[in-house]
Protein backbone atom coordinates (compact mmCIF):
# COMPACT_ATOMS: atom_id res chain seq x y z
CA MET A 1 12.92 0.49 26.38
CA ILE A 2 9.75 1.98 27.84
CA GLU A 3 8.78 -0.01 30.93
CA PHE A 4 5.42 -1.69 30.47
CA THR A 5 3.02 -3.52 32.76
CA SER A 6 1.19 -5.57 30.10
CA LYS A 7 2.05 -6.97 26.68
CA GLU A 8 -0.66 -8.38 24.40
CA PRO A 9 0.23 -9.98 21.04
CA ILE A 10 -1.39 -8.68 17.83
CA ALA A 11 -2.08 -11.39 15.24
CA LYS A 12 -3.36 -9.19 12.39
CA GLY A 13 -1.40 -8.43 9.24
CA TRP A 14 1.10 -10.07 6.88
CA SER A 15 4.21 -8.51 8.36
CA GLY A 16 6.98 -10.80 9.61
CA ASP A 17 7.34 -8.54 12.66
CA LYS A 18 6.09 -9.63 16.07
CA LYS A 19 3.58 -7.00 17.16
CA TYR A 20 2.26 -6.22 20.63
CA CYS A 21 0.04 -3.73 22.39
CA ILE A 22 1.97 -2.69 25.49
CA THR A 23 0.70 -0.58 28.38
CA ASP A 24 2.85 1.44 30.77
CA SER A 25 2.25 2.13 34.48
CA ASP A 26 0.21 5.23 33.61
CA GLY A 27 -2.18 3.16 31.48
CA ILE A 28 -0.86 4.59 28.19
CA LYS A 29 -0.84 2.12 25.29
CA TYR A 30 1.88 1.78 22.65
CA LEU A 31 2.58 -0.40 19.64
CA LEU A 32 5.70 -2.56 20.01
CA ARG A 33 7.20 -4.16 16.88
CA ILE A 34 10.07 -6.66 17.08
CA SER A 35 12.07 -7.86 14.07
CA PRO A 36 15.05 -10.23 13.67
CA VAL A 37 18.33 -8.53 14.58
CA GLU A 38 19.61 -9.18 11.03
CA GLN A 39 17.15 -6.51 9.87
CA TYR A 40 18.71 -3.80 12.06
CA ASP A 41 19.83 -1.50 9.22
CA ARG A 42 16.53 -1.87 7.33
CA LYS A 43 14.45 -1.23 10.44
CA LYS A 44 16.59 1.67 11.59
CA ASN A 45 16.14 3.35 8.22
CA GLU A 46 12.38 2.63 8.30
CA PHE A 47 12.13 4.24 11.75
CA GLU A 48 14.09 7.33 10.65
CA MET A 49 11.89 7.73 7.56
CA MET A 50 8.76 7.42 9.69
CA LYS A 51 10.05 10.28 11.84
CA ARG A 52 10.56 12.33 8.69
CA VAL A 53 7.02 11.56 7.47
CA ALA A 54 5.58 12.44 10.89
CA THR A 55 7.15 15.93 10.74
CA LEU A 56 5.00 16.60 7.64
CA GLY A 57 1.85 16.26 9.73
CA VAL A 58 0.78 12.90 8.31
CA PRO A 59 -1.75 11.26 10.68
CA MET A 60 -0.01 8.02 11.67
CA CYS A 61 1.54 5.93 14.46
CA GLN A 62 4.16 8.31 15.85
CA PRO A 63 7.65 6.76 16.07
CA ILE A 64 8.84 7.01 19.68
CA GLU A 65 11.76 4.67 20.38
CA PHE A 66 14.12 2.34 18.50
CA GLY A 67 16.71 -0.11 19.75
CA THR A 68 17.74 -3.72 20.28
CA CYS A 69 16.50 -6.22 22.84
CA VAL A 70 16.90 -9.91 23.58
CA GLU A 71 14.36 -10.80 20.87
CA GLY A 72 15.92 -8.62 18.14
CA VAL A 73 15.31 -5.08 16.87
CA TYR A 74 12.38 -3.18 18.33
CA SER A 75 10.46 0.00 17.64
CA ILE A 76 7.82 1.62 19.81
CA GLN A 77 5.10 3.72 18.22
CA SER A 78 2.07 5.57 19.53
CA TRP A 79 -1.11 3.52 19.81
CA ILE A 80 -4.09 4.49 17.67
CA ASN A 81 -7.44 4.06 19.39
CA GLY A 82 -9.84 3.24 16.61
CA LYS A 83 -11.06 0.66 14.13
CA ASP A 84 -9.72 -0.77 10.88
CA ALA A 85 -10.73 1.46 7.97
CA GLU A 86 -11.58 -1.55 5.81
CA ASP A 87 -14.26 -2.50 8.36
CA VAL A 88 -15.63 1.01 8.95
CA ILE A 89 -15.61 2.78 5.58
CA PRO A 90 -17.71 0.29 3.55
CA THR A 91 -20.56 0.78 6.06
CA LEU A 92 -20.67 4.55 5.56
CA SER A 93 -22.68 6.67 3.13
CA ASP A 94 -21.42 7.24 -0.42
CA THR A 95 -20.43 10.78 0.51
CA GLU A 96 -18.43 9.70 3.56
CA GLN A 97 -16.64 6.93 1.64
CA TYR A 98 -15.63 9.37 -1.08
CA VAL A 99 -14.48 12.01 1.43
CA TYR A 100 -12.30 9.50 3.30
CA GLY A 101 -10.80 8.42 -0.01
CA PHE A 102 -10.14 12.03 -1.00
CA GLU A 103 -8.32 12.51 2.30
CA ALA A 104 -6.28 9.34 1.75
CA GLY A 105 -5.18 10.72 -1.62
CA ARG A 106 -4.30 14.09 -0.10
CA ILE A 107 -2.21 12.38 2.60
CA LEU A 108 -0.39 10.24 0.03
CA LYS A 109 0.55 13.38 -1.91
CA ILE A 110 2.19 14.72 1.27
CA ILE A 111 4.12 11.46 1.80
CA HIS A 112 5.35 11.69 -1.78
CA SER A 113 6.83 15.14 -1.16
CA ILE A 114 9.94 13.40 0.25
CA PRO A 115 12.40 13.00 -2.65
CA ALA A 116 14.33 9.84 -3.49
CA PRO A 117 18.11 9.79 -2.92
CA THR A 118 20.06 11.35 -5.78
CA LYS A 119 21.93 8.07 -6.38
CA GLN A 120 18.70 6.08 -6.78
CA GLU A 121 18.81 3.68 -9.75
CA ASP A 122 16.95 4.80 -12.87
CA TRP A 123 13.28 3.79 -12.56
CA GLU A 124 12.94 2.42 -16.10
CA THR A 125 15.87 0.05 -15.60
CA ARG A 126 14.78 -1.01 -12.15
CA PHE A 127 11.12 -1.64 -12.90
CA ASN A 128 11.77 -3.40 -16.21
CA ARG A 129 13.93 -5.83 -14.28
CA LYS A 130 11.05 -6.36 -11.85
CA ILE A 131 8.61 -6.88 -14.73
CA ASP A 132 10.87 -9.48 -16.35
CA ARG A 133 11.09 -11.35 -13.06
CA LYS A 134 7.32 -11.29 -12.55
CA ILE A 135 6.57 -12.51 -16.08
CA LYS A 136 9.01 -15.36 -15.58
CA MET A 137 7.42 -16.22 -12.22
CA TYR A 138 4.00 -16.33 -13.85
CA ASN A 139 5.14 -18.39 -16.85
CA ASP A 140 6.91 -20.88 -14.55
CA CYS A 141 3.89 -21.12 -12.23
CA SER A 142 1.59 -24.15 -12.24
CA GLN A 143 -1.48 -21.90 -11.87
CA LYS A 144 -2.62 -19.58 -14.64
CA TYR A 145 -5.31 -16.90 -15.02
CA GLN A 146 -8.00 -17.12 -17.63
CA ASN A 147 -6.70 -14.71 -20.31
CA GLY A 148 -3.61 -13.96 -18.23
CA GLN A 149 -1.76 -13.27 -21.48
CA ALA A 150 -3.69 -9.98 -21.68
CA PHE A 151 -1.65 -8.71 -18.71
CA ILE A 152 1.64 -9.65 -20.37
CA ASP A 153 0.63 -8.11 -23.71
CA TYR A 154 -0.40 -4.84 -22.08
CA ILE A 155 2.82 -4.64 -20.06
CA ASN A 156 5.03 -5.25 -23.08
CA ALA A 157 3.13 -2.68 -25.17
CA ASN A 158 3.48 0.03 -22.52
CA ARG A 159 6.93 -0.44 -20.99
CA HIS A 160 8.08 2.72 -22.75
CA LEU A 161 5.97 4.76 -20.31
CA LEU A 162 8.52 3.97 -17.57
CA LYS A 163 11.12 6.21 -19.22
CA ASP A 164 12.08 9.33 -17.24
CA ARG A 165 9.58 8.70 -14.43
CA PRO A 166 10.37 10.67 -11.24
CA GLN A 167 10.97 8.89 -7.93
CA CYS A 168 10.07 9.73 -4.34
CA TYR A 169 9.57 8.12 -0.94
CA GLN A 170 6.78 5.50 -0.89
CA HIS A 171 4.74 4.05 1.98
CA GLY A 172 5.08 0.76 0.09
CA ASP A 173 1.68 -0.77 0.84
CA TYR A 174 -0.80 2.09 0.68
CA HIS A 175 -4.41 0.87 0.72
CA ILE A 176 -7.50 0.78 2.91
CA GLY A 177 -6.20 -2.28 4.79
CA ASN A 178 -3.31 -0.21 6.19
CA MET A 179 -5.50 2.61 7.47
CA MET A 180 -7.56 3.14 10.59
CA VAL A 181 -10.37 5.46 11.62
CA ASP A 182 -9.66 6.79 15.10
CA LYS A 183 -12.06 7.76 17.88
CA GLU A 184 -12.36 11.27 16.41
CA ASP A 185 -13.30 9.75 13.00
CA LYS A 186 -9.95 10.83 11.56
CA LEU A 187 -8.09 8.69 9.02
CA GLN A 188 -4.77 7.30 10.27
CA ILE A 189 -2.03 5.61 8.20
CA ILE A 190 -0.27 2.53 9.61
CA ASP A 191 2.30 -0.13 8.67
CA PHE A 192 5.23 1.58 6.97
CA ASP A 193 7.28 -1.63 7.06
CA ARG A 194 7.39 -1.98 3.26
CA ASP A 195 8.53 1.58 2.59
CA ASP A 196 10.72 2.22 -0.44
CA PHE A 197 11.56 4.77 -3.13
CA GLY A 198 10.02 4.69 -6.60
CA ASP A 199 7.59 6.22 -9.08
CA PRO A 200 4.89 8.00 -7.05
CA TRP A 201 2.18 6.67 -9.38
CA GLU A 202 3.28 3.08 -8.73
CA GLU A 203 2.10 3.57 -5.13
CA PHE A 204 -1.48 3.23 -6.44
CA ASN A 205 -0.88 -0.40 -7.44
CA ARG A 206 -2.63 -1.58 -4.24
CA ILE A 207 -5.77 0.39 -5.02
CA VAL A 208 -7.43 -2.86 -6.12
CA TRP A 209 -7.92 -3.67 -2.41
CA CYS A 210 -9.65 -0.30 -1.95
CA VAL A 211 -11.90 -0.91 -4.96
CA GLN A 212 -13.00 -4.28 -3.62
CA LYS A 213 -13.95 -2.75 -0.27
CA ALA A 214 -15.29 0.66 -1.32
CA PRO A 215 -15.11 1.84 -4.97
CA LEU A 216 -16.04 5.41 -4.08
CA PHE A 217 -13.17 5.51 -1.60
CA ALA A 218 -10.85 4.49 -4.45
CA SER A 219 -12.23 7.18 -6.77
CA GLY A 220 -11.86 9.76 -4.02
CA MET A 221 -8.27 8.69 -3.40
CA VAL A 222 -7.29 9.35 -7.03
CA ASN A 223 -9.12 12.69 -7.12
CA GLY A 224 -7.66 13.80 -3.79
CA TYR A 225 -4.13 13.00 -4.87
CA PHE A 226 -4.40 14.88 -8.15
CA ASP A 227 -6.78 17.56 -6.87
CA HIS A 228 -9.15 16.54 -9.71
CA ASN A 229 -6.52 17.15 -12.41
CA ILE A 230 -5.77 13.60 -13.54
CA HIS A 231 -3.42 12.91 -16.45
CA TYR A 232 -4.45 10.21 -18.93
CA GLU A 233 -0.88 8.88 -18.74
CA PHE A 234 -1.51 8.12 -15.05
CA TRP A 235 -4.21 5.63 -16.01
CA ARG A 236 -1.98 3.98 -18.61
CA LEU A 237 0.86 3.56 -16.11
CA LEU A 238 -1.42 2.45 -13.30
CA ALA A 239 -2.83 -0.29 -15.55
CA LEU A 240 0.73 -1.43 -16.20
CA TYR A 241 1.58 -1.47 -12.49
CA ILE A 242 -1.61 -3.34 -11.59
CA ALA A 243 -1.05 -5.85 -14.41
CA SER A 244 2.49 -6.46 -13.15
CA ASN A 245 1.29 -6.91 -9.56
CA THR A 246 -1.50 -9.24 -10.62
CA LEU A 247 0.89 -11.48 -12.55
CA SER A 248 3.03 -12.12 -9.48
CA SER A 249 0.09 -12.53 -7.11
CA ILE A 250 -0.70 -16.10 -8.14
CA PRO A 251 2.81 -17.53 -7.59
CA TRP A 252 2.90 -15.61 -4.30
CA ALA A 253 -0.41 -17.20 -3.21
CA ILE A 254 0.50 -20.84 -3.87
CA PRO A 255 2.49 -21.45 -0.65
CA PHE A 256 -0.43 -20.07 1.40
CA GLY A 257 -2.94 -22.59 0.06
CA GLN A 258 -6.11 -22.79 -2.02
CA THR A 259 -7.96 -19.98 -0.24
CA GLU A 260 -5.32 -17.42 -1.22
CA ILE A 261 -5.10 -18.88 -4.73
CA ASP A 262 -8.86 -18.47 -5.13
CA THR A 263 -8.65 -14.88 -3.82
CA MET A 264 -6.02 -13.96 -6.42
CA GLN A 265 -7.89 -15.72 -9.23
CA LYS A 266 -11.00 -13.73 -8.32
CA GLN A 267 -9.03 -10.51 -8.17
CA ALA A 268 -7.44 -11.11 -11.59
CA HIS A 269 -10.91 -11.76 -13.05
CA GLU A 270 -12.13 -8.46 -11.59
CA VAL A 271 -9.10 -6.54 -12.88
CA LEU A 272 -9.65 -7.87 -16.40
CA HIS A 273 -13.31 -6.81 -16.13
CA TRP A 274 -12.41 -3.29 -14.94
CA TYR A 275 -9.98 -2.84 -17.83
CA ASP A 276 -12.01 -4.62 -20.55
CA ASN A 277 -9.31 -7.30 -20.86
CA MET A 278 -6.64 -4.58 -20.69
CA LYS A 279 -8.08 -2.70 -23.68
CA ASN A 280 -9.14 0.41 -21.74
CA PRO A 281 -6.70 1.94 -19.23
CA VAL A 282 -9.42 3.89 -17.40
CA PRO A 283 -11.05 1.33 -15.08
CA LEU A 284 -14.79 0.87 -14.77
CA TRP A 285 -14.71 1.54 -11.02
CA TYR A 286 -13.50 5.12 -11.46
CA LYS A 287 -16.48 7.44 -11.01
CA GLY A 288 -14.84 10.63 -12.26
CA VAL A 289 -14.86 13.96 -10.46
CA ILE A 290 -17.78 13.78 -8.07
CA SER A 291 -19.22 17.09 -6.91
CA ASN A 292 -22.86 16.25 -6.16
CA LEU A 293 -22.46 13.69 -3.38
């Protein structure tokens, strides 16, 4: 492992990894992540995929070193000097928010150029199984959304859209909360620890967090990804993916307490508003192709 002279813990984020900012004898900072040794295979694969993404020119924490230590499995990545995008971007002009979003969409398209393994399970089978599990979780949950049935009805009416969907590499948690703006005002992508393979359009299921922080960033992200040529079927599938995610959010929140429960209740209310109680798959926050900003 790189020898370091200081090691400062990082408390941010939902990851189960222990994270540190380490500094070597030359004053160079790095990100150190440590996971339980039982996750060796998962973390090794994650590290190798990050290296593959980095070769595509994606602006991100560069993977530098991987191995085992007394505490478990570690990876060392380059340190990004900058600020959290979710703090910076909402303070910017409409034009700047949209441009950053457009860039985020363009970067995601590059990430999605990595194909899924040929032996990957059929997406329709896999995601229908996930949907069934999430509906059961919601139905068994003590907390319910006002008009939560609208999510279930929409999902069941649109499951057929999952048929023959392509699959590719996914970041796994792609939204404004996992991005930074560096000292050169360049967007950087962080936290690949939930990476996976799946439908590229499913990757937009976290866009609700972008919308809540900066709606124009979210619109830009969609336009940047599709280069302004957006298929109507994308909106129908995205509504399904967001409905599915929203259903499972409330049972997920319960162990974390009332604050998280309230956050998810508020989010579900907003999602139903955006989609007119799941009657219109094109959400209200989408501003269309914007050329006059």
